[in-house]
Amino acid sequence: RPIVIFWYGGSWKHGNKANYRFVGAALAARGFVTVLP
């Protein structure tokens, strides 16, 4: 399957991948293997 790698924002000073589970779930639901680093 196609892959999407997503980087969250936060002014390069804050952020956590766990908070953006909704992005990973939304893209996986459409058939994309989604990676949140």
Full PDB file with SEQRES, HELIX, SHEET, SSBOND, CRYST1, ORIGX, SCALE, CONECT and MASTER records, all heavy atoms in Angstrom:
SEQRES   1 A   37  ARG PRO ILE VAL ILE PHE TRP TYR GLY GLY SER TRP LYS          
SEQRES   2 A   37  HIS GLY ASN LYS ALA ASN TYR ARG PHE VAL GLY ALA ALA          
SEQRES   3 A   37  LEU ALA ALA ARG GLY PHE VAL THR VAL LEU PRO                  
HELIX    1 AA1 LYS A   17  TYR A   20  5                                   4    
HELIX    2 AA2 ARG A   21  ALA A   28  1                                   8    
SHEET    1 AA1 2 ILE A   3  ILE A   5  0                                        
SHEET    2 AA1 2 VAL A  33  VAL A  35  1                                        
CRYST1    1.000    1.000    1.000  90.00  90.00  90.00 P 1           1          
ORIGX1      1.000000  0.000000  0.000000        0.00000                         
ORIGX2      0.000000  1.000000  0.000000        0.00000                         
ORIGX3      0.000000  0.000000  1.000000        0.00000                         
SCALE1      1.000000  0.000000  0.000000        0.00000                         
SCALE2      0.000000  1.000000  0.000000        0.00000                         
SCALE3      0.000000  0.000000  1.000000        0.00000                         
ATOM      1  N   ARG A   1       0.820  -1.200   0.000  1.00  0.00           N  
ATOM      2  CA  ARG A   1       0.000   0.000   0.000  1.00  0.00           C  
ATOM      3  C   ARG A   1       0.860   1.259   0.000  1.00  0.00           C  
ATOM      4  O   ARG A   1       1.988   1.249   0.493  1.00  0.00           O  
ATOM      5  CB  ARG A   1      -0.913   0.016   1.234  1.00  0.00           C  
ATOM      6  CG  ARG A   1      -1.913  -1.120   1.315  1.00  0.00           C  
ATOM      7  CD  ARG A   1      -2.841  -1.083   0.118  1.00  0.00           C  
ATOM      8  NE  ARG A   1      -3.516   0.216   0.031  1.00  0.00           N  
ATOM      9  CZ  ARG A   1      -4.081   0.698  -1.066  1.00  0.00           C  
ATOM     10  NH1 ARG A   1      -4.045   0.006  -2.192  1.00  0.00           N  
ATOM     11  NH2 ARG A   1      -4.687   1.865  -1.043  1.00  0.00           N  
ATOM     12  N   PRO A   2       0.353   2.366  -0.564  1.00  0.00           N  
ATOM     13  CA  PRO A   2       1.091   3.635  -0.501  1.00  0.00           C  
ATOM     14  C   PRO A   2       1.329   4.059   0.946  1.00  0.00           C  
ATOM     15  O   PRO A   2       0.569   3.690   1.847  1.00  0.00           O  
ATOM     16  CB  PRO A   2       0.166   4.619  -1.220  1.00  0.00           C  
ATOM     17  CG  PRO A   2      -0.734   3.777  -2.052  1.00  0.00           C  
ATOM     18  CD  PRO A   2      -0.917   2.493  -1.301  1.00  0.00           C  
ATOM     19  N   ILE A   3       2.361   4.845   1.143  1.00  0.00           N  
ATOM     20  CA  ILE A   3       2.754   5.281   2.482  1.00  0.00           C  
ATOM     21  C   ILE A   3       2.658   6.803   2.568  1.00  0.00           C  
ATOM     22  O   ILE A   3       3.041   7.512   1.642  1.00  0.00           O  
ATOM     23  CB  ILE A   3       4.193   4.838   2.798  1.00  0.00           C  
ATOM     24  CG1 ILE A   3       4.299   3.311   2.778  1.00  0.00           C  
ATOM     25  CG2 ILE A   3       4.650   5.386   4.149  1.00  0.00           C  
ATOM     26  CD1 ILE A   3       5.728   2.803   2.868  1.00  0.00           C  
ATOM     27  N   VAL A   4       2.153   7.291   3.695  1.00  0.00           N  
ATOM     28  CA  VAL A   4       2.157   8.720   3.995  1.00  0.00           C  
ATOM     29  C   VAL A   4       2.937   8.926   5.284  1.00  0.00           C  
ATOM     30  O   VAL A   4       2.663   8.264   6.293  1.00  0.00           O  
ATOM     31  CB  VAL A   4       0.735   9.289   4.166  1.00  0.00           C  
ATOM     32  CG1 VAL A   4       0.795  10.774   4.496  1.00  0.00           C  
ATOM     33  CG2 VAL A   4      -0.096   9.055   2.905  1.00  0.00           C  
ATOM     34  N   ILE A   5       3.921   9.814   5.247  1.00  0.00           N  
ATOM     35  CA  ILE A   5       4.652  10.196   6.463  1.00  0.00           C  
ATOM     36  C   ILE A   5       4.205  11.604   6.828  1.00  0.00           C  
ATOM     37  O   ILE A   5       4.329  12.530   6.020  1.00  0.00           O  
ATOM     38  CB  ILE A   5       6.172  10.161   6.265  1.00  0.00           C  
ATOM     39  CG1 ILE A   5       6.619   8.816   5.689  1.00  0.00           C  
ATOM     40  CG2 ILE A   5       6.882  10.424   7.589  1.00  0.00           C  
ATOM     41  CD1 ILE A   5       8.119   8.740   5.402  1.00  0.00           C  
ATOM     42  N   PHE A   6       3.689  11.762   8.050  1.00  0.00           N  
ATOM     43  CA  PHE A   6       3.138  13.047   8.492  1.00  0.00           C  
ATOM     44  C   PHE A   6       3.950  13.624   9.641  1.00  0.00           C  
ATOM     45  O   PHE A   6       4.199  12.950  10.640  1.00  0.00           O  
ATOM     46  CB  PHE A   6       1.683  12.872   8.939  1.00  0.00           C  
ATOM     47  CG  PHE A   6       1.100  14.109   9.582  1.00  0.00           C  
ATOM     48  CD1 PHE A   6       0.593  15.134   8.809  1.00  0.00           C  
ATOM     49  CD2 PHE A   6       1.080  14.238  10.967  1.00  0.00           C  
ATOM     50  CE1 PHE A   6       0.077  16.285   9.396  1.00  0.00           C  
ATOM     51  CE2 PHE A   6       0.564  15.378  11.566  1.00  0.00           C  
ATOM     52  CZ  PHE A   6       0.056  16.401  10.782  1.00  0.00           C  
ATOM     53  N   TRP A   7       4.333  14.906   9.501  1.00  0.00           N  
ATOM     54  CA  TRP A   7       5.015  15.639  10.577  1.00  0.00           C  
ATOM     55  C   TRP A   7       4.083  16.712  11.107  1.00  0.00           C  
ATOM     56  O   TRP A   7       3.574  17.543  10.351  1.00  0.00           O  
ATOM     57  CB  TRP A   7       6.309  16.277  10.070  1.00  0.00           C  
ATOM     58  CG  TRP A   7       7.413  15.284   9.860  1.00  0.00           C  
ATOM     59  CD1 TRP A   7       8.306  14.814  10.787  1.00  0.00           C  
ATOM     60  CD2 TRP A   7       7.755  14.620   8.623  1.00  0.00           C  
ATOM     61  NE1 TRP A   7       9.167  13.910  10.220  1.00  0.00           N  
ATOM     62  CE2 TRP A   7       8.857  13.767   8.889  1.00  0.00           C  
ATOM     63  CE3 TRP A   7       7.239  14.666   7.324  1.00  0.00           C  
ATOM     64  CZ2 TRP A   7       9.444  12.975   7.907  1.00  0.00           C  
ATOM     65  CZ3 TRP A   7       7.816  13.877   6.348  1.00  0.00           C  
ATOM     66  CH2 TRP A   7       8.911  13.041   6.640  1.00  0.00           C  
ATOM     67  N   TYR A   8       3.857  16.718  12.413  1.00  0.00           N  
ATOM     68  CA  TYR A   8       3.001  17.713  13.050  1.00  0.00           C  
ATOM     69  C   TYR A   8       3.751  19.034  13.215  1.00  0.00           C  
ATOM     70  O   TYR A   8       4.978  19.103  13.123  1.00  0.00           O  
ATOM     71  CB  TYR A   8       2.521  17.203  14.415  1.00  0.00           C  
ATOM     72  CG  TYR A   8       3.646  16.734  15.315  1.00  0.00           C  
ATOM     73  CD1 TYR A   8       4.462  17.631  15.996  1.00  0.00           C  
ATOM     74  CD2 TYR A   8       3.909  15.372  15.472  1.00  0.00           C  
ATOM     75  CE1 TYR A   8       5.493  17.196  16.811  1.00  0.00           C  
ATOM     76  CE2 TYR A   8       4.930  14.920  16.289  1.00  0.00           C  
ATOM     77  CZ  TYR A   8       5.719  15.839  16.952  1.00  0.00           C  
ATOM     78  OH  TYR A   8       6.756  15.400  17.745  1.00  0.00           O  
ATOM     79  N   GLY A   9       2.980  20.088  13.481  1.00  0.00           N  
ATOM     80  CA  GLY A   9       3.563  21.400  13.741  1.00  0.00           C  
ATOM     81  C   GLY A   9       3.763  21.643  15.224  1.00  0.00           C  
ATOM     82  O   GLY A   9       3.555  20.766  16.056  1.00  0.00           O  
ATOM     83  N   GLY A  10       4.146  22.877  15.535  1.00  0.00           N  
ATOM     84  CA  GLY A  10       4.419  23.239  16.926  1.00  0.00           C  
ATOM     85  C   GLY A  10       5.579  24.195  17.041  1.00  0.00           C  
ATOM     86  O   GLY A  10       6.257  24.239  18.075  1.00  0.00           O  
ATOM     87  N   SER A  11       5.842  24.957  15.970  1.00  0.00           N  
ATOM     88  CA  SER A  11       6.904  25.972  15.962  1.00  0.00           C  
ATOM     89  C   SER A  11       8.280  25.385  16.228  1.00  0.00           C  
ATOM     90  O   SER A  11       9.161  26.065  16.760  1.00  0.00           O  
ATOM     91  CB  SER A  11       6.600  27.084  16.985  1.00  0.00           C  
ATOM     92  OG  SER A  11       5.367  27.699  16.688  1.00  0.00           O  
ATOM     93  N   TRP A  12       8.472  24.107  15.885  1.00  0.00           N  
ATOM     94  CA  TRP A  12       9.744  23.411  16.069  1.00  0.00           C  
ATOM     95  C   TRP A  12      10.159  23.334  17.541  1.00  0.00           C  
ATOM     96  O   TRP A  12      11.298  23.028  17.857  1.00  0.00           O  
ATOM     97  CB  TRP A  12      10.872  24.086  15.276  1.00  0.00           C  
ATOM     98  CG  TRP A  12      10.599  24.230  13.829  1.00  0.00           C  
ATOM     99  CD1 TRP A  12      10.790  23.292  12.844  1.00  0.00           C  
ATOM    100  CD2 TRP A  12      10.086  25.396  13.170  1.00  0.00           C  
ATOM    101  NE1 TRP A  12      10.412  23.804  11.623  1.00  0.00           N  
ATOM    102  CE2 TRP A  12       9.983  25.088  11.790  1.00  0.00           C  
ATOM    103  CE3 TRP A  12       9.708  26.659  13.624  1.00  0.00           C  
ATOM    104  CZ2 TRP A  12       9.509  26.006  10.874  1.00  0.00           C  
ATOM    105  CZ3 TRP A  12       9.227  27.570  12.700  1.00  0.00           C  
ATOM    106  CH2 TRP A  12       9.129  27.241  11.342  1.00  0.00           C  
ATOM    107  N   LYS A  13       9.189  23.566  18.465  1.00  0.00           N  
ATOM    108  CA  LYS A  13       9.554  23.543  19.887  1.00  0.00           C  
ATOM    109  C   LYS A  13       8.624  22.701  20.749  1.00  0.00           C  
ATOM    110  O   LYS A  13       8.910  22.478  21.923  1.00  0.00           O  
ATOM    111  CB  LYS A  13       9.628  24.970  20.444  1.00  0.00           C  
ATOM    112  CG  LYS A  13       8.300  25.713  20.473  1.00  0.00           C  
ATOM    113  CD  LYS A  13       8.479  27.109  21.062  1.00  0.00           C  
ATOM    114  CE  LYS A  13       7.148  27.852  21.129  1.00  0.00           C  
ATOM    115  NZ  LYS A  13       7.319  29.207  21.699  1.00  0.00           N  
ATOM    116  N   HIS A  14       7.490  22.257  20.203  1.00  0.00           N  
ATOM    117  CA  HIS A  14       6.631  21.363  20.984  1.00  0.00           C  
ATOM    118  C   HIS A  14       5.816  20.495  20.037  1.00  0.00           C  
ATOM    119  O   HIS A  14       5.688  20.786  18.845  1.00  0.00           O  
ATOM    120  CB  HIS A  14       5.707  22.130  21.939  1.00  0.00           C  
ATOM    121  CG  HIS A  14       4.834  23.156  21.283  1.00  0.00           C  
ATOM    122  ND1 HIS A  14       3.711  22.828  20.563  1.00  0.00           N  
ATOM    123  CD2 HIS A  14       4.925  24.511  21.237  1.00  0.00           C  
ATOM    124  CE1 HIS A  14       3.137  23.923  20.118  1.00  0.00           C  
ATOM    125  NE2 HIS A  14       3.855  24.960  20.486  1.00  0.00           N  
ATOM    126  N   GLY A  15       5.268  19.417  20.592  1.00  0.00           N  
ATOM    127  CA  GLY A  15       4.478  18.479  19.799  1.00  0.00           C  
ATOM    128  C   GLY A  15       4.778  17.051  20.207  1.00  0.00           C  
ATOM    129  O   GLY A  15       5.842  16.740  20.755  1.00  0.00           O  
ATOM    130  N   ASN A  16       3.816  16.173  19.936  1.00  0.00           N  
ATOM    131  CA  ASN A  16       3.951  14.766  20.282  1.00  0.00           C  
ATOM    132  C   ASN A  16       3.113  13.955  19.307  1.00  0.00           C  
ATOM    133  O   ASN A  16       1.934  14.248  19.097  1.00  0.00           O  
ATOM    134  CB  ASN A  16       3.473  14.534  21.725  1.00  0.00           C  
ATOM    135  CG  ASN A  16       3.755  13.144  22.228  1.00  0.00           C  
ATOM    136  OD1 ASN A  16       3.393  12.160  21.586  1.00  0.00           O  
ATOM    137  ND2 ASN A  16       4.406  13.049  23.386  1.00  0.00           N  
ATOM    138  N   LYS A  17       3.708  12.932  18.731  1.00  0.00           N  
ATOM    139  CA  LYS A  17       3.025  12.125  17.724  1.00  0.00           C  
ATOM    140  C   LYS A  17       1.752  11.492  18.248  1.00  0.00           C  
ATOM    141  O   LYS A  17       0.777  11.306  17.497  1.00  0.00           O  
ATOM    142  CB  LYS A  17       3.963  11.040  17.186  1.00  0.00           C  
ATOM    143  CG  LYS A  17       4.544  10.111  18.248  1.00  0.00           C  
ATOM    144  CD  LYS A  17       5.528   9.142  17.649  1.00  0.00           C  
ATOM    145  CE  LYS A  17       6.267   8.333  18.699  1.00  0.00           C  
ATOM    146  NZ  LYS A  17       5.408   7.621  19.656  1.00  0.00           N  
ATOM    147  N   ALA A  18       1.716  11.151  19.533  1.00  0.00           N  
ATOM    148  CA  ALA A  18       0.533  10.497  20.099  1.00  0.00           C  
ATOM    149  C   ALA A  18      -0.697  11.387  20.029  1.00  0.00           C  
ATOM    150  O   ALA A  18      -1.829  10.900  19.932  1.00  0.00           O  
ATOM    151  CB  ALA A  18       0.800  10.091  21.545  1.00  0.00           C  
ATOM    152  N   ASN A  19      -0.499  12.699  20.059  1.00  0.00           N  
ATOM    153  CA  ASN A  19      -1.627  13.619  19.997  1.00  0.00           C  
ATOM    154  C   ASN A  19      -2.280  13.658  18.624  1.00  0.00           C  
ATOM    155  O   ASN A  19      -3.395  14.164  18.480  1.00  0.00           O  
ATOM    156  CB  ASN A  19      -1.172  15.031  20.376  1.00  0.00           C  
ATOM    157  CG  ASN A  19      -0.828  15.150  21.848  1.00  0.00           C  
ATOM    158  OD1 ASN A  19      -1.311  14.381  22.660  1.00  0.00           O  
ATOM    159  ND2 ASN A  19       0.014  16.108  22.185  1.00  0.00           N  
ATOM    160  N   TYR A  20      -1.594  13.137  17.621  1.00  0.00           N  
ATOM    161  CA  TYR A  20      -2.103  13.210  16.248  1.00  0.00           C  
ATOM    162  C   TYR A  20      -2.539  11.833  15.741  1.00  0.00           C  
ATOM    163  O   TYR A  20      -2.528  11.587  14.542  1.00  0.00           O  
ATOM    164  CB  TYR A  20      -1.049  13.829  15.334  1.00  0.00           C  
ATOM    165  CG  TYR A  20      -0.862  15.298  15.644  1.00  0.00           C  
ATOM    166  CD1 TYR A  20      -0.010  15.702  16.664  1.00  0.00           C  
ATOM    167  CD2 TYR A  20      -1.569  16.267  14.952  1.00  0.00           C  
ATOM    168  CE1 TYR A  20       0.137  17.046  16.984  1.00  0.00           C  
ATOM    169  CE2 TYR A  20      -1.432  17.609  15.258  1.00  0.00           C  
ATOM    170  CZ  TYR A  20      -0.576  17.995  16.276  1.00  0.00           C  
ATOM    171  OH  TYR A  20      -0.444  19.318  16.591  1.00  0.00           O  
ATOM    172  N   ARG A  21      -2.968  11.016  16.675  1.00  0.00           N  
ATOM    173  CA  ARG A  21      -3.488   9.709  16.275  1.00  0.00           C  
ATOM    174  C   ARG A  21      -4.645   9.864  15.285  1.00  0.00           C  
ATOM    175  O   ARG A  21      -4.827   9.043  14.388  1.00  0.00           O  
ATOM    176  CB  ARG A  21      -3.951   8.938  17.512  1.00  0.00           C  
ATOM    177  CG  ARG A  21      -4.522   7.557  17.197  1.00  0.00           C  
ATOM    178  CD  ARG A  21      -4.731   6.746  18.463  1.00  0.00           C  
ATOM    179  NE  ARG A  21      -5.291   5.422  18.149  1.00  0.00           N  
ATOM    180  CZ  ARG A  21      -5.300   4.402  18.997  1.00  0.00           C  
ATOM    181  NH1 ARG A  21      -4.780   4.541  20.198  1.00  0.00           N  
ATOM    182  NH2 ARG A  21      -5.824   3.242  18.641  1.00  0.00           N  
ATOM    183  N   PHE A  22      -5.419  10.951  15.412  1.00  0.00           N  
ATOM    184  CA  PHE A  22      -6.551  11.149  14.516  1.00  0.00           C  
ATOM    185  C   PHE A  22      -6.106  11.283  13.063  1.00  0.00           C  
ATOM    186  O   PHE A  22      -6.856  10.935  12.144  1.00  0.00           O  
ATOM    187  CB  PHE A  22      -7.389  12.361  14.951  1.00  0.00           C  
ATOM    188  CG  PHE A  22      -6.705  13.701  14.860  1.00  0.00           C  
ATOM    189  CD1 PHE A  22      -6.851  14.483  13.729  1.00  0.00           C  
ATOM    190  CD2 PHE A  22      -5.947  14.192  15.917  1.00  0.00           C  
ATOM    191  CE1 PHE A  22      -6.254  15.733  13.646  1.00  0.00           C  
ATOM    192  CE2 PHE A  22      -5.339  15.435  15.844  1.00  0.00           C  
ATOM    193  CZ  PHE A  22      -5.487  16.214  14.706  1.00  0.00           C  
ATOM    194  N   VAL A  23      -4.877  11.773  12.826  1.00  0.00           N  
ATOM    195  CA  VAL A  23      -4.357  11.864  11.457  1.00  0.00           C  
ATOM    196  C   VAL A  23      -4.000  10.473  10.940  1.00  0.00           C  
ATOM    197  O   VAL A  23      -4.374  10.087   9.830  1.00  0.00           O  
ATOM    198  CB  VAL A  23      -3.133  12.786  11.401  1.00  0.00           C  
ATOM    199  CG1 VAL A  23      -2.540  12.798   9.995  1.00  0.00           C  
ATOM    200  CG2 VAL A  23      -3.512  14.207  11.810  1.00  0.00           C  
ATOM    201  N   GLY A  24      -3.286   9.704  11.756  1.00  0.00           N  
ATOM    202  CA  GLY A  24      -2.923   8.350  11.345  1.00  0.00           C  
ATOM    203  C   GLY A  24      -4.143   7.488  11.072  1.00  0.00           C  
ATOM    204  O   GLY A  24      -4.187   6.748  10.082  1.00  0.00           O  
ATOM    205  N   ALA A  25      -5.149   7.597  11.933  1.00  0.00           N  
ATOM    206  CA  ALA A  25      -6.359   6.797  11.768  1.00  0.00           C  
ATOM    207  C   ALA A  25      -7.132   7.211  10.518  1.00  0.00           C  
ATOM    208  O   ALA A  25      -7.646   6.360   9.778  1.00  0.00           O  
ATOM    209  CB  ALA A  25      -7.246   6.939  13.001  1.00  0.00           C  
ATOM    210  N   ALA A  26      -7.217   8.521  10.275  1.00  0.00           N  
ATOM    211  CA  ALA A  26      -7.978   9.013   9.123  1.00  0.00           C  
ATOM    212  C   ALA A  26      -7.367   8.565   7.808  1.00  0.00           C  
ATOM    213  O   ALA A  26      -8.082   8.197   6.865  1.00  0.00           O  
ATOM    214  CB  ALA A  26      -8.066  10.534   9.174  1.00  0.00           C  
ATOM    215  N   LEU A  27      -6.044   8.570   7.723  1.00  0.00           N  
ATOM    216  CA  LEU A  27      -5.384   8.163   6.483  1.00  0.00           C  
ATOM    217  C   LEU A  27      -5.359   6.643   6.340  1.00  0.00           C  
ATOM    218  O   LEU A  27      -5.502   6.117   5.228  1.00  0.00           O  
ATOM    219  CB  LEU A  27      -3.975   8.747   6.435  1.00  0.00           C  
ATOM    220  CG  LEU A  27      -3.920  10.272   6.303  1.00  0.00           C  
ATOM    221  CD1 LEU A  27      -2.491  10.785   6.466  1.00  0.00           C  
ATOM    222  CD2 LEU A  27      -4.491  10.717   4.955  1.00  0.00           C  
ATOM    223  N   ALA A  28      -5.181   5.928   7.442  1.00  0.00           N  
ATOM    224  CA  ALA A  28      -5.221   4.464   7.373  1.00  0.00           C  
ATOM    225  C   ALA A  28      -6.596   3.983   6.931  1.00  0.00           C  
ATOM    226  O   ALA A  28      -6.719   2.976   6.224  1.00  0.00           O  
ATOM    227  CB  ALA A  28      -4.852   3.861   8.733  1.00  0.00           C  
ATOM    228  N   ALA A  29      -7.627   4.725   7.317  1.00  0.00           N  
ATOM    229  CA  ALA A  29      -8.987   4.352   6.930  1.00  0.00           C  
ATOM    230  C   ALA A  29      -9.187   4.423   5.419  1.00  0.00           C  
ATOM    231  O   ALA A  29     -10.080   3.776   4.877  1.00  0.00           O  
ATOM    232  CB  ALA A  29     -10.000   5.261   7.626  1.00  0.00           C  
ATOM    233  N   ARG A  30      -8.352   5.194   4.739  1.00  0.00           N  
ATOM    234  CA  ARG A  30      -8.450   5.311   3.291  1.00  0.00           C  
ATOM    235  C   ARG A  30      -7.419   4.442   2.573  1.00  0.00           C  
ATOM    236  O   ARG A  30      -7.192   4.596   1.375  1.00  0.00           O  
ATOM    237  CB  ARG A  30      -8.287   6.780   2.883  1.00  0.00           C  
ATOM    238  CG  ARG A  30      -9.325   7.690   3.502  1.00  0.00           C  
ATOM    239  CD  ARG A  30     -10.762   7.333   3.116  1.00  0.00           C  
ATOM    240  NE  ARG A  30     -11.060   7.750   1.762  1.00  0.00           N  
ATOM    241  CZ  ARG A  30     -11.615   8.919   1.450  1.00  0.00           C  
ATOM    242  NH1 ARG A  30     -11.957   9.775   2.423  1.00  0.00           N  
ATOM    243  NH2 ARG A  30     -11.857   9.239   0.203  1.00  0.00           N  
ATOM    244  N   GLY A  31      -6.768   3.544   3.327  1.00  0.00           N  
ATOM    245  CA  GLY A  31      -5.902   2.550   2.712  1.00  0.00           C  
ATOM    246  C   GLY A  31      -4.431   2.881   2.665  1.00  0.00           C  
ATOM    247  O   GLY A  31      -3.655   2.169   2.027  1.00  0.00           O  
ATOM    248  N   PHE A  32      -4.010   3.949   3.357  1.00  0.00           N  
ATOM    249  CA  PHE A  32      -2.597   4.329   3.339  1.00  0.00           C  
ATOM    250  C   PHE A  32      -1.901   3.881   4.623  1.00  0.00           C  
ATOM    251  O   PHE A  32      -2.420   4.088   5.720  1.00  0.00           O  
ATOM    252  CB  PHE A  32      -2.451   5.847   3.208  1.00  0.00           C  
ATOM    253  CG  PHE A  32      -3.236   6.448   2.076  1.00  0.00           C  
ATOM    254  CD1 PHE A  32      -4.213   7.395   2.318  1.00  0.00           C  
ATOM    255  CD2 PHE A  32      -3.013   6.045   0.763  1.00  0.00           C  
ATOM    256  CE1 PHE A  32      -4.953   7.948   1.282  1.00  0.00           C  
ATOM    257  CE2 PHE A  32      -3.738   6.590  -0.284  1.00  0.00           C  
ATOM    258  CZ  PHE A  32      -4.714   7.543  -0.020  1.00  0.00           C  
ATOM    259  N   VAL A  33      -0.742   3.269   4.479  1.00  0.00           N  
ATOM    260  CA  VAL A  33       0.104   3.022   5.643  1.00  0.00           C  
ATOM    261  C   VAL A  33       0.655   4.383   6.074  1.00  0.00           C  
ATOM    262  O   VAL A  33       1.304   5.072   5.293  1.00  0.00           O  
ATOM    263  CB  VAL A  33       1.257   2.061   5.309  1.00  0.00           C  
ATOM    264  CG1 VAL A  33       2.207   1.937   6.500  1.00  0.00           C  
ATOM    265  CG2 VAL A  33       0.717   0.697   4.915  1.00  0.00           C  
ATOM    266  N   THR A  34       0.364   4.774   7.298  1.00  0.00           N  
ATOM    267  CA  THR A  34       0.666   6.141   7.741  1.00  0.00           C  
ATOM    268  C   THR A  34       1.679   6.117   8.881  1.00  0.00           C  
ATOM    269  O   THR A  34       1.539   5.348   9.829  1.00  0.00           O  
ATOM    270  CB  THR A  34      -0.620   6.853   8.196  1.00  0.00           C  
ATOM    271  OG1 THR A  34      -1.612   6.731   7.155  1.00  0.00           O  
ATOM    272  CG2 THR A  34      -0.352   8.318   8.455  1.00  0.00           C  
ATOM    273  N   VAL A  35       2.679   6.985   8.772  1.00  0.00           N  
ATOM    274  CA  VAL A  35       3.768   7.035   9.746  1.00  0.00           C  
ATOM    275  C   VAL A  35       3.806   8.423  10.375  1.00  0.00           C  
ATOM    276  O   VAL A  35       3.807   9.432   9.665  1.00  0.00           O  
ATOM    277  CB  VAL A  35       5.122   6.720   9.082  1.00  0.00           C  
ATOM    278  CG1 VAL A  35       6.242   6.743  10.119  1.00  0.00           C  
ATOM    279  CG2 VAL A  35       5.067   5.373   8.366  1.00  0.00           C  
ATOM    280  N   LEU A  36       3.834   8.472  11.704  1.00  0.00           N  
ATOM    281  CA  LEU A  36       3.923   9.727  12.437  1.00  0.00           C  
ATOM    282  C   LEU A  36       5.201   9.728  13.273  1.00  0.00           C  
ATOM    283  O   LEU A  36       5.272   9.069  14.305  1.00  0.00           O  
ATOM    284  CB  LEU A  36       2.707   9.910  13.359  1.00  0.00           C  
ATOM    285  CG  LEU A  36       1.443  10.529  12.760  1.00  0.00           C  
ATOM    286  CD1 LEU A  36       0.876   9.677  11.649  1.00  0.00           C  
ATOM    287  CD2 LEU A  36       0.409  10.764  13.853  1.00  0.00           C  
ATOM    288  N   PRO A  37       6.228  10.446  12.829  1.00  0.00           N  
ATOM    289  CA  PRO A  37       7.459  10.503  13.613  1.00  0.00           C  
ATOM    290  C   PRO A  37       7.448  11.655  14.631  1.00  0.00           C  
ATOM    291  O   PRO A  37       6.878  12.716  14.381  1.00  0.00           O  
ATOM    292  CB  PRO A  37       8.552  10.774  12.561  1.00  0.00           C  
ATOM    293  CG  PRO A  37       7.858  10.727  11.224  1.00  0.00           C  
ATOM    294  CD  PRO A  37       6.413  11.010  11.498  1.00  0.00           C  
TER     295      PRO A  37                                                      
MASTER        0    0    0    2    2    0    0    6  294    1    0    3          
END                                                                             
